[in-house]
Amino acid sequence: MNQVWTNLYSNAIKYNGPNGRIKVRGYERENVVEVVISNTGQGIPKADLPYIFERFYRVEKAHTRAAESYGLGLAVVKRIIDLHKGRISVDSVEGKETTFKIQIAKLSK
């Protein structure tokens, strides 16, 4: 799970806007733990949202920032969450905000 948090925090920082904000919130629900990570940045275009968890997919194909990335970070995040039988979702408004929500089942005592 450390890799999940590292990738999501790194993206939140990398794609945050000038003087932007990053929020990390955690919630304990009845059967799951939910972590919500959001930033006020460039957002993800609606057309790209269905593909962001695919390997090698990059939203910013022509910008210099994307050249530093291979498009594997979110694919790795999704795979790890799937292996833990969790769920990850994303909501984004282009030019405004992106929010990732992760839900993982609580461990039984």
PDB file of N, CA and C in Angstrom:
ATOM      1  N   MET A   1       0.824  -1.199   0.000  1.00  0.00           N
ATOM      2  CA  MET A   1       0.000   0.000   0.000  1.00  0.00           C
ATOM      3  C   MET A   1       0.867   1.262   0.000  1.00  0.00           C
ATOM      4  N   ASN A   2       2.097   1.137   0.472  1.00  0.00           N
ATOM      5  CA  ASN A   2       2.985   2.299   0.471  1.00  0.00           C
ATOM      6  C   ASN A   2       3.150   2.861  -0.940  1.00  0.00           C
ATOM      7  N   GLN A   3       3.234   1.984  -1.927  1.00  0.00           N
ATOM      8  CA  GLN A   3       3.385   2.438  -3.311  1.00  0.00           C
ATOM      9  C   GLN A   3       2.139   3.182  -3.787  1.00  0.00           C
ATOM     10  N   VAL A   4       0.966   2.756  -3.333  1.00  0.00           N
ATOM     11  CA  VAL A   4      -0.286   3.446  -3.679  1.00  0.00           C
ATOM     12  C   VAL A   4      -0.219   4.887  -3.204  1.00  0.00           C
ATOM     13  N   TRP A   5       0.111   5.077  -1.923  1.00  0.00           N
ATOM     14  CA  TRP A   5       0.129   6.434  -1.360  1.00  0.00           C
ATOM     15  C   TRP A   5       1.226   7.269  -2.015  1.00  0.00           C
ATOM     16  N   THR A   6       2.379   6.685  -2.243  1.00  0.00           N
ATOM     17  CA  THR A   6       3.478   7.417  -2.881  1.00  0.00           C
ATOM     18  C   THR A   6       3.069   7.906  -4.269  1.00  0.00           C
ATOM     19  N   ASN A   7       2.479   7.034  -5.078  1.00  0.00           N
ATOM     20  CA  ASN A   7       2.082   7.419  -6.436  1.00  0.00           C
ATOM     21  C   ASN A   7       0.993   8.488  -6.422  1.00  0.00           C
ATOM     22  N   LEU A   8      -0.008   8.313  -5.569  1.00  0.00           N
ATOM     23  CA  LEU A   8      -1.106   9.282  -5.538  1.00  0.00           C
ATOM     24  C   LEU A   8      -0.657  10.634  -4.982  1.00  0.00           C
ATOM     25  N   TYR A   9       0.162  10.631  -3.940  1.00  0.00           N
ATOM     26  CA  TYR A   9       0.668  11.902  -3.394  1.00  0.00           C
ATOM     27  C   TYR A   9       1.560  12.594  -4.416  1.00  0.00           C
ATOM     28  N   SER A  10       2.414  11.824  -5.082  1.00  0.00           N
ATOM     29  CA  SER A  10       3.305  12.409  -6.090  1.00  0.00           C
ATOM     30  C   SER A  10       2.513  13.067  -7.212  1.00  0.00           C
ATOM     31  N   ASN A  11       1.466  12.395  -7.677  1.00  0.00           N
ATOM     32  CA  ASN A  11       0.625  12.980  -8.726  1.00  0.00           C
ATOM     33  C   ASN A  11      -0.093  14.224  -8.226  1.00  0.00           C
ATOM     34  N   ALA A  12      -0.586  14.178  -6.990  1.00  0.00           N
ATOM     35  CA  ALA A  12      -1.283  15.342  -6.439  1.00  0.00           C
ATOM     36  C   ALA A  12      -0.354  16.552  -6.389  1.00  0.00           C
ATOM     37  N   ILE A  13       0.899  16.325  -6.061  1.00  0.00           N
ATOM     38  CA  ILE A  13       1.878  17.414  -6.009  1.00  0.00           C
ATOM     39  C   ILE A  13       2.249  17.866  -7.424  1.00  0.00           C
ATOM     40  N   LYS A  14       2.575  16.907  -8.287  1.00  0.00           N
ATOM     41  CA  LYS A  14       3.038  17.210  -9.640  1.00  0.00           C
ATOM     42  C   LYS A  14       1.997  17.977 -10.464  1.00  0.00           C
ATOM     43  N   TYR A  15       0.735  17.617 -10.300  1.00  0.00           N
ATOM     44  CA  TYR A  15      -0.304  18.219 -11.133  1.00  0.00           C
ATOM     45  C   TYR A  15      -1.148  19.250 -10.393  1.00  0.00           C
ATOM     46  N   ASN A  16      -0.650  19.714  -9.270  1.00  0.00           N
ATOM     47  CA  ASN A  16      -1.333  20.765  -8.517  1.00  0.00           C
ATOM     48  C   ASN A  16      -1.075  22.115  -9.185  1.00  0.00           C
ATOM     49  N   GLY A  17      -1.991  23.031  -9.010  1.00  0.00           N
ATOM     50  CA  GLY A  17      -1.824  24.357  -9.591  1.00  0.00           C
ATOM     51  C   GLY A  17      -0.967  25.245  -8.708  1.00  0.00           C
ATOM     52  N   PRO A  18      -0.529  26.390  -9.233  1.00  0.00           N
ATOM     53  CA  PRO A  18       0.212  27.352  -8.419  1.00  0.00           C
ATOM     54  C   PRO A  18      -0.645  27.771  -7.221  1.00  0.00           C
ATOM     55  N   ASN A  19      -0.041  27.785  -6.055  1.00  0.00           N
ATOM     56  CA  ASN A  19      -0.752  28.109  -4.808  1.00  0.00           C
ATOM     57  C   ASN A  19      -1.942  27.184  -4.585  1.00  0.00           C
ATOM     58  N   GLY A  20      -1.880  25.992  -5.141  1.00  0.00           N
ATOM     59  CA  GLY A  20      -2.972  25.033  -5.017  1.00  0.00           C
ATOM     60  C   GLY A  20      -2.988  24.361  -3.652  1.00  0.00           C
ATOM     61  N   ARG A  21      -4.029  23.574  -3.448  1.00  0.00           N
ATOM     62  CA  ARG A  21      -4.186  22.844  -2.193  1.00  0.00           C
ATOM     63  C   ARG A  21      -4.281  21.352  -2.471  1.00  0.00           C
ATOM     64  N   ILE A  22      -3.776  20.580  -1.529  1.00  0.00           N
ATOM     65  CA  ILE A  22      -3.908  19.130  -1.553  1.00  0.00           C
ATOM     66  C   ILE A  22      -4.589  18.737  -0.253  1.00  0.00           C
ATOM     67  N   LYS A  23      -5.615  17.901  -0.377  1.00  0.00           N
ATOM     68  CA  LYS A  23      -6.332  17.415   0.801  1.00  0.00           C
ATOM     69  C   LYS A  23      -6.228  15.903   0.848  1.00  0.00           C
ATOM     70  N   VAL A  24      -5.951  15.398   2.046  1.00  0.00           N
ATOM     71  CA  VAL A  24      -5.959  13.964   2.284  1.00  0.00           C
ATOM     72  C   VAL A  24      -6.887  13.734   3.462  1.00  0.00           C
ATOM     73  N   ARG A  25      -7.919  12.936   3.225  1.00  0.00           N
ATOM     74  CA  ARG A  25      -8.889  12.665   4.281  1.00  0.00           C
ATOM     75  C   ARG A  25      -9.059  11.159   4.412  1.00  0.00           C
ATOM     76  N   GLY A  26      -9.300  10.719   5.619  1.00  0.00           N
ATOM     77  CA  GLY A  26      -9.540   9.302   5.859  1.00  0.00           C
ATOM     78  C   GLY A  26     -10.823   9.125   6.649  1.00  0.00           C
ATOM     79  N   TYR A  27     -11.550   8.070   6.318  1.00  0.00           N
ATOM     80  CA  TYR A  27     -12.825   7.795   6.978  1.00  0.00           C
ATOM     81  C   TYR A  27     -12.900   6.317   7.321  1.00  0.00           C
ATOM     82  N   GLU A  28     -13.421   6.037   8.480  1.00  0.00           N
ATOM     83  CA  GLU A  28     -13.693   4.659   8.856  1.00  0.00           C
ATOM     84  C   GLU A  28     -15.182   4.422   8.674  1.00  0.00           C
ATOM     85  N   ARG A  29     -15.512   3.590   7.734  1.00  0.00           N
ATOM     86  CA  ARG A  29     -16.904   3.240   7.463  1.00  0.00           C
ATOM     87  C   ARG A  29     -17.196   1.898   8.145  1.00  0.00           C
ATOM     88  N   GLU A  30     -18.402   1.411   7.977  1.00  0.00           N
ATOM     89  CA  GLU A  30     -18.787   0.163   8.651  1.00  0.00           C
ATOM     90  C   GLU A  30     -17.843  -0.993   8.311  1.00  0.00           C
ATOM     91  N   ASN A  31     -17.623  -1.248   7.024  1.00  0.00           N
ATOM     92  CA  ASN A  31     -16.800  -2.385   6.608  1.00  0.00           C
ATOM     93  C   ASN A  31     -15.544  -2.005   5.844  1.00  0.00           C
ATOM     94  N   VAL A  32     -15.348  -0.722   5.592  1.00  0.00           N
ATOM     95  CA  VAL A  32     -14.201  -0.287   4.799  1.00  0.00           C
ATOM     96  C   VAL A  32     -13.520   0.921   5.435  1.00  0.00           C
ATOM     97  N   VAL A  33     -12.278   1.101   5.027  1.00  0.00           N
ATOM     98  CA  VAL A  33     -11.551   2.329   5.314  1.00  0.00           C
ATOM     99  C   VAL A  33     -11.496   3.067   3.984  1.00  0.00           C
ATOM    100  N   GLU A  34     -11.813   4.345   4.012  1.00  0.00           N
ATOM    101  CA  GLU A  34     -11.846   5.152   2.794  1.00  0.00           C
ATOM    102  C   GLU A  34     -10.825   6.277   2.919  1.00  0.00           C
ATOM    103  N   VAL A  35     -10.014   6.433   1.890  1.00  0.00           N
ATOM    104  CA  VAL A  35      -9.035   7.518   1.831  1.00  0.00           C
ATOM    105  C   VAL A  35      -9.358   8.338   0.588  1.00  0.00           C
ATOM    106  N   VAL A  36      -9.423   9.656   0.772  1.00  0.00           N
ATOM    107  CA  VAL A  36      -9.747  10.567  -0.328  1.00  0.00           C
ATOM    108  C   VAL A  36      -8.590  11.549  -0.474  1.00  0.00           C
ATOM    109  N   ILE A  37      -8.023  11.608  -1.664  1.00  0.00           N
ATOM    110  CA  ILE A  37      -6.904  12.501  -1.958  1.00  0.00           C
ATOM    111  C   ILE A  37      -7.335  13.414  -3.098  1.00  0.00           C
ATOM    112  N   SER A  38      -7.260  14.726  -2.869  1.00  0.00           N
ATOM    113  CA  SER A  38      -7.662  15.661  -3.921  1.00  0.00           C
ATOM    114  C   SER A  38      -6.669  16.806  -4.026  1.00  0.00           C
ATOM    115  N   ASN A  39      -6.639  17.400  -5.199  1.00  0.00           N
ATOM    116  CA  ASN A  39      -5.808  18.577  -5.403  1.00  0.00           C
ATOM    117  C   ASN A  39      -6.544  19.577  -6.285  1.00  0.00           C
ATOM    118  N   THR A  40      -6.154  20.830  -6.137  1.00  0.00           N
ATOM    119  CA  THR A  40      -6.699  21.894  -6.985  1.00  0.00           C
ATOM    120  C   THR A  40      -5.663  22.144  -8.071  1.00  0.00           C
ATOM    121  N   GLY A  41      -5.857  21.509  -9.183  1.00  0.00           N
ATOM    122  CA  GLY A  41      -4.872  21.624 -10.251  1.00  0.00           C
ATOM    123  C   GLY A  41      -5.523  21.670 -11.597  1.00  0.00           C
ATOM    124  N   GLN A  42      -4.821  21.137 -12.571  1.00  0.00           N
ATOM    125  CA  GLN A  42      -5.289  21.218 -13.941  1.00  0.00           C
ATOM    126  C   GLN A  42      -6.439  20.267 -14.234  1.00  0.00           C
ATOM    127  N   GLY A  43      -6.658  19.303 -13.388  1.00  0.00           N
ATOM    128  CA  GLY A  43      -7.740  18.358 -13.616  1.00  0.00           C
ATOM    129  C   GLY A  43      -7.439  17.419 -14.769  1.00  0.00           C
ATOM    130  N   ILE A  44      -8.322  16.474 -14.961  1.00  0.00           N
ATOM    131  CA  ILE A  44      -8.176  15.483 -16.026  1.00  0.00           C
ATOM    132  C   ILE A  44      -9.347  15.666 -16.984  1.00  0.00           C
ATOM    133  N   PRO A  45      -9.080  15.821 -18.263  1.00  0.00           N
ATOM    134  CA  PRO A  45     -10.180  15.964 -19.218  1.00  0.00           C
ATOM    135  C   PRO A  45     -11.131  14.763 -19.155  1.00  0.00           C
ATOM    136  N   LYS A  46     -12.396  15.036 -19.288  1.00  0.00           N
ATOM    137  CA  LYS A  46     -13.422  13.997 -19.203  1.00  0.00           C
ATOM    138  C   LYS A  46     -13.150  12.849 -20.174  1.00  0.00           C
ATOM    139  N   ALA A  47     -12.688  13.156 -21.363  1.00  0.00           N
ATOM    140  CA  ALA A  47     -12.413  12.125 -22.370  1.00  0.00           C
ATOM    141  C   ALA A  47     -11.297  11.171 -21.941  1.00  0.00           C
ATOM    142  N   ASP A  48     -10.397  11.624 -21.064  1.00  0.00           N
ATOM    143  CA  ASP A  48      -9.277  10.800 -20.613  1.00  0.00           C
ATOM    144  C   ASP A  48      -9.611   9.938 -19.390  1.00  0.00           C
ATOM    145  N   LEU A  49     -10.626  10.297 -18.645  1.00  0.00           N
ATOM    146  CA  LEU A  49     -10.931   9.597 -17.389  1.00  0.00           C
ATOM    147  C   LEU A  49     -11.069   8.077 -17.525  1.00  0.00           C
ATOM    148  N   PRO A  50     -11.723   7.549 -18.564  1.00  0.00           N
ATOM    149  CA  PRO A  50     -11.865   6.085 -18.644  1.00  0.00           C
ATOM    150  C   PRO A  50     -10.543   5.333 -18.833  1.00  0.00           C
ATOM    151  N   TYR A  51      -9.482   6.048 -19.187  1.00  0.00           N
ATOM    152  CA  TYR A  51      -8.227   5.387 -19.549  1.00  0.00           C
ATOM    153  C   TYR A  51      -7.089   5.592 -18.553  1.00  0.00           C
ATOM    154  N   ILE A  52      -7.272   6.396 -17.534  1.00  0.00           N
ATOM    155  CA  ILE A  52      -6.131   6.790 -16.702  1.00  0.00           C
ATOM    156  C   ILE A  52      -5.503   5.647 -15.917  1.00  0.00           C
ATOM    157  N   PHE A  53      -6.214   4.535 -15.719  1.00  0.00           N
ATOM    158  CA  PHE A  53      -5.642   3.403 -14.992  1.00  0.00           C
ATOM    159  C   PHE A  53      -4.995   2.382 -15.925  1.00  0.00           C
ATOM    160  N   GLU A  54      -4.957   2.675 -17.221  1.00  0.00           N
ATOM    161  CA  GLU A  54      -4.320   1.771 -18.180  1.00  0.00           C
ATOM    162  C   GLU A  54      -2.813   2.014 -18.201  1.00  0.00           C
ATOM    163  N   ARG A  55      -2.066   0.932 -18.384  1.00  0.00           N
ATOM    164  CA  ARG A  55      -0.606   1.051 -18.454  1.00  0.00           C
ATOM    165  C   ARG A  55      -0.191   1.926 -19.625  1.00  0.00           C
ATOM    166  N   PHE A  56       0.792   2.762 -19.385  1.00  0.00           N
ATOM    167  CA  PHE A  56       1.407   3.651 -20.383  1.00  0.00           C
ATOM    168  C   PHE A  56       0.500   4.775 -20.855  1.00  0.00           C
ATOM    169  N   TYR A  57      -0.671   4.945 -20.241  1.00  0.00           N
ATOM    170  CA  TYR A  57      -1.554   6.037 -20.646  1.00  0.00           C
ATOM    171  C   TYR A  57      -1.128   7.317 -19.953  1.00  0.00           C
ATOM    172  N   ARG A  58      -0.960   8.370 -20.730  1.00  0.00           N
ATOM    173  CA  ARG A  58      -0.601   9.679 -20.183  1.00  0.00           C
ATOM    174  C   ARG A  58      -1.585  10.708 -20.690  1.00  0.00           C
ATOM    175  N   VAL A  59      -2.091  11.514 -19.769  1.00  0.00           N
ATOM    176  CA  VAL A  59      -3.028  12.569 -20.155  1.00  0.00           C
ATOM    177  C   VAL A  59      -2.293  13.666 -20.902  1.00  0.00           C
ATOM    178  N   GLU A  60      -1.160  14.103 -20.365  1.00  0.00           N
ATOM    179  CA  GLU A  60      -0.390  15.203 -20.969  1.00  0.00           C
ATOM    180  C   GLU A  60       0.624  14.647 -21.953  1.00  0.00           C
ATOM    181  N   LYS A  61       0.182  14.291 -23.121  1.00  0.00           N
ATOM    182  CA  LYS A  61       1.068  13.657 -24.088  1.00  0.00           C
ATOM    183  C   LYS A  61       2.097  14.610 -24.685  1.00  0.00           C
ATOM    184  N   ALA A  62       1.771  15.897 -24.775  1.00  0.00           N
ATOM    185  CA  ALA A  62       2.663  16.831 -25.467  1.00  0.00           C
ATOM    186  C   ALA A  62       3.424  17.748 -24.523  1.00  0.00           C
ATOM    187  N   HIS A  63       3.142  17.707 -23.245  1.00  0.00           N
ATOM    188  CA  HIS A  63       3.791  18.631 -22.313  1.00  0.00           C
ATOM    189  C   HIS A  63       5.082  18.025 -21.752  1.00  0.00           C
ATOM    190  N   THR A  64       5.964  18.870 -21.308  1.00  0.00           N
ATOM    191  CA  THR A  64       7.251  18.402 -20.807  1.00  0.00           C
ATOM    192  C   THR A  64       7.103  17.589 -19.532  1.00  0.00           C
ATOM    193  N   ARG A  65       6.132  17.898 -18.689  1.00  0.00           N
ATOM    194  CA  ARG A  65       5.948  17.128 -17.463  1.00  0.00           C
ATOM    195  C   ARG A  65       5.712  15.658 -17.766  1.00  0.00           C
ATOM    196  N   ALA A  66       4.947  15.379 -18.787  1.00  0.00           N
ATOM    197  CA  ALA A  66       4.626  13.997 -19.135  1.00  0.00           C
ATOM    198  C   ALA A  66       5.868  13.228 -19.566  1.00  0.00           C
ATOM    199  N   ALA A  67       6.849  13.928 -20.111  1.00  0.00           N
ATOM    200  CA  ALA A  67       8.066  13.256 -20.550  1.00  0.00           C
ATOM    201  C   ALA A  67       8.799  12.619 -19.383  1.00  0.00           C
ATOM    202  N   GLU A  68       8.562  13.089 -18.175  1.00  0.00           N
ATOM    203  CA  GLU A  68       9.196  12.520 -16.984  1.00  0.00           C
ATOM    204  C   GLU A  68       8.479  11.262 -16.523  1.00  0.00           C
ATOM    205  N   SER A  69       7.373  10.931 -17.121  1.00  0.00           N
ATOM    206  CA  SER A  69       6.539   9.828 -16.681  1.00  0.00           C
ATOM    207  C   SER A  69       6.383   8.798 -17.786  1.00  0.00           C
ATOM    208  N   TYR A  70       6.232   7.539 -17.373  1.00  0.00           N
ATOM    209  CA  TYR A  70       5.988   6.474 -18.338  1.00  0.00           C
ATOM    210  C   TYR A  70       4.522   6.070 -18.376  1.00  0.00           C
ATOM    211  N   GLY A  71       3.694   6.697 -17.559  1.00  0.00           N
ATOM    212  CA  GLY A  71       2.284   6.368 -17.540  1.00  0.00           C
ATOM    213  C   GLY A  71       1.972   5.067 -16.827  1.00  0.00           C
ATOM    214  N   LEU A  72       2.811   4.711 -15.852  1.00  0.00           N
ATOM    215  CA  LEU A  72       2.599   3.464 -15.114  1.00  0.00           C
ATOM    216  C   LEU A  72       2.051   3.667 -13.707  1.00  0.00           C
ATOM    217  N   GLY A  73       2.192   4.856 -13.157  1.00  0.00           N
ATOM    218  CA  GLY A  73       1.847   5.095 -11.753  1.00  0.00           C
ATOM    219  C   GLY A  73       0.428   4.719 -11.376  1.00  0.00           C
ATOM    220  N   LEU A  74      -0.548   5.196 -12.125  1.00  0.00           N
ATOM    221  CA  LEU A  74      -1.935   4.902 -11.783  1.00  0.00           C
ATOM    222  C   LEU A  74      -2.308   3.455 -12.107  1.00  0.00           C
ATOM    223  N   ALA A  75      -1.662   2.863 -13.111  1.00  0.00           N
ATOM    224  CA  ALA A  75      -1.893   1.442 -13.400  1.00  0.00           C
ATOM    225  C   ALA A  75      -1.407   0.592 -12.233  1.00  0.00           C
ATOM    226  N   VAL A  76      -0.270   0.946 -11.665  1.00  0.00           N
ATOM    227  CA  VAL A  76       0.264   0.237 -10.501  1.00  0.00           C
ATOM    228  C   VAL A  76      -0.681   0.411  -9.310  1.00  0.00           C
ATOM    229  N   VAL A  77      -1.138   1.636  -9.089  1.00  0.00           N
ATOM    230  CA  VAL A  77      -2.082   1.911  -8.003  1.00  0.00           C
ATOM    231  C   VAL A  77      -3.317   1.025  -8.148  1.00  0.00           C
ATOM    232  N   LYS A  78      -3.896   0.995  -9.335  1.00  0.00           N
ATOM    233  CA  LYS A  78      -5.115   0.205  -9.570  1.00  0.00           C
ATOM    234  C   LYS A  78      -4.872  -1.267  -9.320  1.00  0.00           C
ATOM    235  N   ARG A  79      -3.744  -1.770  -9.773  1.00  0.00           N
ATOM    236  CA  ARG A  79      -3.428  -3.201  -9.587  1.00  0.00           C
ATOM    237  C   ARG A  79      -3.297  -3.549  -8.111  1.00  0.00           C
ATOM    238  N   ILE A  80      -2.615  -2.712  -7.354  1.00  0.00           N
ATOM    239  CA  ILE A  80      -2.451  -2.968  -5.919  1.00  0.00           C
ATOM    240  C   ILE A  80      -3.797  -2.916  -5.206  1.00  0.00           C
ATOM    241  N   ILE A  81      -4.612  -1.934  -5.526  1.00  0.00           N
ATOM    242  CA  ILE A  81      -5.941  -1.827  -4.920  1.00  0.00           C
ATOM    243  C   ILE A  81      -6.768  -3.070  -5.276  1.00  0.00           C
ATOM    244  N   ASP A  82      -6.710  -3.507  -6.529  1.00  0.00           N
ATOM    245  CA  ASP A  82      -7.437  -4.712  -6.942  1.00  0.00           C
ATOM    246  C   ASP A  82      -6.958  -5.942  -6.174  1.00  0.00           C
ATOM    247  N   LEU A  83      -5.655  -6.062  -5.975  1.00  0.00           N
ATOM    248  CA  LEU A  83      -5.107  -7.207  -5.234  1.00  0.00           C
ATOM    249  C   LEU A  83      -5.589  -7.225  -3.781  1.00  0.00           C
ATOM    250  N   HIS A  84      -5.899  -6.058  -3.247  1.00  0.00           N
ATOM    251  CA  HIS A  84      -6.435  -5.956  -1.881  1.00  0.00           C
ATOM    252  C   HIS A  84      -7.965  -6.006  -1.885  1.00  0.00           C
ATOM    253  N   LYS A  85      -8.536  -6.330  -3.037  1.00  0.00           N
ATOM    254  CA  LYS A  85      -9.994  -6.400  -3.204  1.00  0.00           C
ATOM    255  C   LYS A  85     -10.682  -5.092  -2.805  1.00  0.00           C
ATOM    256  N   GLY A  86     -10.004  -3.993  -3.157  1.00  0.00           N
ATOM    257  CA  GLY A  86     -10.537  -2.669  -2.879  1.00  0.00           C
ATOM    258  C   GLY A  86     -11.090  -2.027  -4.132  1.00  0.00           C
ATOM    259  N   ARG A  87     -11.428  -0.761  -3.986  1.00  0.00           N
ATOM    260  CA  ARG A  87     -11.963   0.010  -5.114  1.00  0.00           C
ATOM    261  C   ARG A  87     -11.276   1.361  -5.161  1.00  0.00           C
ATOM    262  N   ILE A  88     -11.068   1.846  -6.367  1.00  0.00           N
ATOM    263  CA  ILE A  88     -10.553   3.196  -6.546  1.00  0.00           C
ATOM    264  C   ILE A  88     -11.406   3.881  -7.606  1.00  0.00           C
ATOM    265  N   SER A  89     -11.719   5.138  -7.361  1.00  0.00           N
ATOM    266  CA  SER A  89     -12.480   5.915  -8.340  1.00  0.00           C
ATOM    267  C   SER A  89     -11.872   7.306  -8.420  1.00  0.00           C
ATOM    268  N   VAL A  90     -12.180   7.993  -9.502  1.00  0.00           N
ATOM    269  CA  VAL A  90     -11.657   9.343  -9.704  1.00  0.00           C
ATOM    270  C   VAL A  90     -12.780  10.234 -10.194  1.00  0.00           C
ATOM    271  N   ASP A  91     -12.754  11.449  -9.700  1.00  0.00           N
ATOM    272  CA  ASP A  91     -13.685  12.482 -10.153  1.00  0.00           C
ATOM    273  C   ASP A  91     -12.827  13.705 -10.441  1.00  0.00           C
ATOM    274  N   SER A  92     -13.030  14.317 -11.589  1.00  0.00           N
ATOM    275  CA  SER A  92     -12.188  15.447 -11.956  1.00  0.00           C
ATOM    276  C   SER A  92     -12.975  16.490 -12.735  1.00  0.00           C
ATOM    277  N   VAL A  93     -12.660  17.737 -12.454  1.00  0.00           N
ATOM    278  CA  VAL A  93     -13.200  18.857 -13.211  1.00  0.00           C
ATOM    279  C   VAL A  93     -11.991  19.545 -13.837  1.00  0.00           C
ATOM    280  N   GLU A  94     -11.924  19.517 -15.152  1.00  0.00           N
ATOM    281  CA  GLU A  94     -10.760  20.054 -15.857  1.00  0.00           C
ATOM    282  C   GLU A  94     -10.531  21.510 -15.479  1.00  0.00           C
ATOM    283  N   GLY A  95      -9.276  21.821 -15.136  1.00  0.00           N
ATOM    284  CA  GLY A  95      -8.903  23.176 -14.759  1.00  0.00           C
ATOM    285  C   GLY A  95      -9.259  23.540 -13.333  1.00  0.00           C
ATOM    286  N   LYS A  96      -9.757  22.580 -12.563  1.00  0.00           N
ATOM    287  CA  LYS A  96     -10.217  22.914 -11.224  1.00  0.00           C
ATOM    288  C   LYS A  96      -9.729  21.948 -10.140  1.00  0.00           C
ATOM    289  N   GLU A  97     -10.118  20.672 -10.230  1.00  0.00           N
ATOM    290  CA  GLU A  97      -9.840  19.759  -9.122  1.00  0.00           C
ATOM    291  C   GLU A  97      -9.905  18.310  -9.585  1.00  0.00           C
ATOM    292  N   THR A  98      -9.107  17.459  -8.930  1.00  0.00           N
ATOM    293  CA  THR A  98      -9.153  16.021  -9.143  1.00  0.00           C
ATOM    294  C   THR A  98      -9.205  15.350  -7.784  1.00  0.00           C
ATOM    295  N   THR A  99     -10.068  14.340  -7.660  1.00  0.00           N
ATOM    296  CA  THR A  99     -10.218  13.622  -6.398  1.00  0.00           C
ATOM    297  C   THR A  99     -10.186  12.122  -6.662  1.00  0.00           C
ATOM    298  N   PHE A 100      -9.293  11.436  -5.944  1.00  0.00           N
ATOM    299  CA  PHE A 100      -9.228   9.981  -5.974  1.00  0.00           C
ATOM    300  C   PHE A 100      -9.797   9.455  -4.662  1.00  0.00           C
ATOM    301  N   LYS A 101     -10.663   8.446  -4.756  1.00  0.00           N
ATOM    302  CA  LYS A 101     -11.256   7.827  -3.578  1.00  0.00           C
ATOM    303  C   LYS A 101     -10.872   6.354  -3.569  1.00  0.00           C
ATOM    304  N   ILE A 102     -10.271   5.918  -2.467  1.00  0.00           N
ATOM    305  CA  ILE A 102      -9.837   4.536  -2.322  1.00  0.00           C
ATOM    306  C   ILE A 102     -10.618   3.919  -1.176  1.00  0.00           C
ATOM    307  N   GLN A 103     -11.161   2.737  -1.405  1.00  0.00           N
ATOM    308  CA  GLN A 103     -11.874   2.002  -0.360  1.00  0.00           C
ATOM    309  C   GLN A 103     -11.253   0.610  -0.241  1.00  0.00           C
ATOM    310  N   ILE A 104     -10.848   0.265   0.978  1.00  0.00           N
ATOM    311  CA  ILE A 104     -10.245  -1.028   1.270  1.00  0.00           C
ATOM    312  C   ILE A 104     -11.009  -1.641   2.436  1.00  0.00           C
ATOM    313  N   ALA A 105     -11.299  -2.940   2.328  1.00  0.00           N
ATOM    314  CA  ALA A 105     -12.012  -3.623   3.402  1.00  0.00           C
ATOM    315  C   ALA A 105     -11.177  -3.585   4.691  1.00  0.00           C
ATOM    316  N   LYS A 106     -11.865  -3.419   5.811  1.00  0.00           N
ATOM    317  CA  LYS A 106     -11.193  -3.470   7.106  1.00  0.00           C
ATOM    318  C   LYS A 106     -10.681  -4.873   7.361  1.00  0.00           C
ATOM    319  N   LEU A 107      -9.556  -4.940   8.026  1.00  0.00           N
ATOM    320  CA  LEU A 107      -9.030  -6.244   8.439  1.00  0.00           C
ATOM    321  C   LEU A 107      -9.852  -6.734   9.616  1.00  0.00           C
ATOM    322  N   SER A 108     -10.146  -8.022   9.625  1.00  0.00           N
ATOM    323  CA  SER A 108     -10.885  -8.565  10.782  1.00  0.00           C
ATOM    324  C   SER A 108      -9.921  -8.790  11.936  1.00  0.00           C
ATOM    325  N   LYS A 109     -10.472  -8.646  13.108  1.00  0.00           N
ATOM    326  CA  LYS A 109      -9.638  -8.783  14.326  1.00  0.00           C
ATOM    327  C   LYS A 109      -9.528 -10.212  14.737  1.00  0.00           C
TER     328      LYS A 109
END
